[in-house]
Amino acid sequence: MDVMHSDVDSTLEDLPEVPAVQLGLRMIRGLRGHSAGACVQHIQLQAA
């Protein structure tokens, strides 16, 4: 799992060779949804 590229929910990545599942942050045991959302927002702000 790459925290810098994950969203809260898992997603299906359309790669050229074979599809892949990008696990969402909600898959991390003990990480609450609100905290996962805050992480995603922070990463998106850093990228902008």
N, C-alpha and C. Protein backbone atom coordinates (compact mmCIF):
# COMPACT_ATOMS: atom_id res chain seq x y z
N MET A 1 0.86 -1.17 0.00
CA MET A 1 0.00 0.00 0.00
C MET A 1 0.90 1.23 0.00
N ASP A 2 0.65 2.13 -0.92
CA ASP A 2 1.39 3.39 -0.98
C ASP A 2 0.47 4.51 -0.53
N VAL A 3 0.72 5.03 0.66
CA VAL A 3 -0.15 6.04 1.25
C VAL A 3 -0.22 7.29 0.38
N MET A 4 0.85 7.60 -0.33
CA MET A 4 0.87 8.80 -1.15
C MET A 4 -0.01 8.67 -2.40
N HIS A 5 -0.43 7.46 -2.73
CA HIS A 5 -1.24 7.26 -3.94
C HIS A 5 -2.58 6.60 -3.65
N SER A 6 -2.90 6.37 -2.38
CA SER A 6 -4.14 5.71 -2.02
C SER A 6 -5.24 6.73 -1.73
N ASP A 7 -6.45 6.27 -1.90
CA ASP A 7 -7.63 7.05 -1.54
C ASP A 7 -8.23 6.38 -0.30
N VAL A 8 -9.33 6.88 0.18
CA VAL A 8 -9.97 6.26 1.34
C VAL A 8 -10.51 4.89 0.94
N ASP A 9 -11.15 4.81 -0.23
CA ASP A 9 -11.70 3.55 -0.72
C ASP A 9 -10.71 2.87 -1.67
N SER A 10 -10.84 1.57 -1.79
CA SER A 10 -10.02 0.82 -2.75
C SER A 10 -10.50 1.16 -4.17
N THR A 11 -9.56 1.11 -5.12
CA THR A 11 -9.90 1.42 -6.51
C THR A 11 -9.28 0.36 -7.43
N LEU A 12 -9.84 0.24 -8.61
CA LEU A 12 -9.30 -0.64 -9.64
C LEU A 12 -8.48 0.22 -10.59
N GLU A 13 -7.20 -0.08 -10.68
CA GLU A 13 -6.30 0.67 -11.54
C GLU A 13 -6.24 0.01 -12.91
N ASP A 14 -6.39 0.79 -13.96
CA ASP A 14 -6.35 0.26 -15.32
C ASP A 14 -4.93 0.40 -15.86
N LEU A 15 -4.11 -0.59 -15.57
CA LEU A 15 -2.72 -0.59 -16.04
C LEU A 15 -2.64 -1.21 -17.43
N PRO A 16 -1.61 -0.88 -18.19
CA PRO A 16 -1.50 -1.38 -19.57
C PRO A 16 -1.48 -2.91 -19.67
N GLU A 17 -0.80 -3.58 -18.76
CA GLU A 17 -0.64 -5.03 -18.88
C GLU A 17 -1.76 -5.80 -18.20
N VAL A 18 -2.08 -5.43 -16.95
CA VAL A 18 -3.07 -6.18 -16.18
C VAL A 18 -3.69 -5.24 -15.15
N PRO A 19 -4.98 -5.35 -14.92
CA PRO A 19 -5.60 -4.48 -13.91
C PRO A 19 -5.04 -4.80 -12.51
N ALA A 20 -5.06 -3.81 -11.65
CA ALA A 20 -4.56 -3.98 -10.29
C ALA A 20 -5.50 -3.28 -9.32
N VAL A 21 -5.54 -3.76 -8.10
CA VAL A 21 -6.34 -3.13 -7.05
C VAL A 21 -5.43 -2.27 -6.18
N GLN A 22 -5.77 -1.00 -6.07
CA GLN A 22 -5.07 -0.08 -5.17
C GLN A 22 -5.87 -0.08 -3.87
N LEU A 23 -5.31 -0.65 -2.82
CA LEU A 23 -6.03 -0.74 -1.56
C LEU A 23 -6.24 0.64 -0.95
N GLY A 24 -7.41 0.85 -0.43
CA GLY A 24 -7.74 2.12 0.19
C GLY A 24 -7.25 2.20 1.64
N LEU A 25 -7.16 3.42 2.13
CA LEU A 25 -6.68 3.62 3.49
C LEU A 25 -7.61 3.02 4.52
N ARG A 26 -8.88 2.83 4.18
CA ARG A 26 -9.80 2.25 5.15
C ARG A 26 -9.47 0.79 5.44
N MET A 27 -8.58 0.20 4.67
CA MET A 27 -8.15 -1.18 4.91
C MET A 27 -7.17 -1.27 6.08
N ILE A 28 -6.64 -0.15 6.52
CA ILE A 28 -5.69 -0.14 7.64
C ILE A 28 -6.46 -0.27 8.94
N ARG A 29 -6.23 -1.34 9.64
CA ARG A 29 -6.92 -1.60 10.90
C ARG A 29 -6.59 -0.50 11.91
N GLY A 30 -7.62 0.07 12.51
CA GLY A 30 -7.44 1.09 13.53
C GLY A 30 -7.45 2.52 12.98
N LEU A 31 -7.39 2.68 11.67
CA LEU A 31 -7.43 4.02 11.08
C LEU A 31 -8.89 4.36 10.79
N ARG A 32 -9.42 5.34 11.47
CA ARG A 32 -10.82 5.72 11.29
C ARG A 32 -11.02 6.44 9.96
N GLY A 33 -12.25 6.35 9.45
CA GLY A 33 -12.59 6.96 8.17
C GLY A 33 -12.29 8.45 8.13
N HIS A 34 -12.59 9.15 9.22
CA HIS A 34 -12.33 10.59 9.28
C HIS A 34 -10.82 10.87 9.16
N SER A 35 -10.03 10.08 9.84
CA SER A 35 -8.57 10.26 9.78
C SER A 35 -8.03 9.93 8.40
N ALA A 36 -8.56 8.88 7.78
CA ALA A 36 -8.14 8.52 6.43
C ALA A 36 -8.47 9.65 5.45
N GLY A 37 -9.66 10.22 5.60
CA GLY A 37 -10.05 11.35 4.74
C GLY A 37 -9.15 12.55 4.93
N ALA A 38 -8.76 12.81 6.17
CA ALA A 38 -7.85 13.93 6.45
C ALA A 38 -6.49 13.68 5.81
N CYS A 39 -6.02 12.45 5.83
CA CYS A 39 -4.74 12.11 5.19
C CYS A 39 -4.81 12.35 3.69
N VAL A 40 -5.90 11.91 3.06
CA VAL A 40 -6.06 12.08 1.62
C VAL A 40 -6.12 13.57 1.27
N GLN A 41 -6.86 14.35 2.05
CA GLN A 41 -6.93 15.80 1.80
C GLN A 41 -5.56 16.44 1.91
N HIS A 42 -4.80 16.07 2.91
CA HIS A 42 -3.47 16.65 3.10
C HIS A 42 -2.56 16.31 1.91
N ILE A 43 -2.60 15.07 1.47
CA ILE A 43 -1.77 14.65 0.33
C ILE A 43 -2.18 15.39 -0.94
N GLN A 44 -3.49 15.58 -1.15
CA GLN A 44 -3.95 16.31 -2.33
C GLN A 44 -3.53 17.77 -2.29
N LEU A 45 -3.55 18.38 -1.12
CA LEU A 45 -3.11 19.77 -0.99
C LEU A 45 -1.62 19.89 -1.25
N GLN A 46 -0.84 18.92 -0.81
CA GLN A 46 0.61 18.94 -1.04
C GLN A 46 0.94 18.79 -2.52
N ALA A 47 0.12 18.04 -3.25
CA ALA A 47 0.36 17.79 -4.67
C ALA A 47 -0.02 18.99 -5.54
N ALA A 48 -0.89 19.86 -5.02
CA ALA A 48 -1.37 21.00 -5.82
C ALA A 48 -0.38 22.14 -5.86
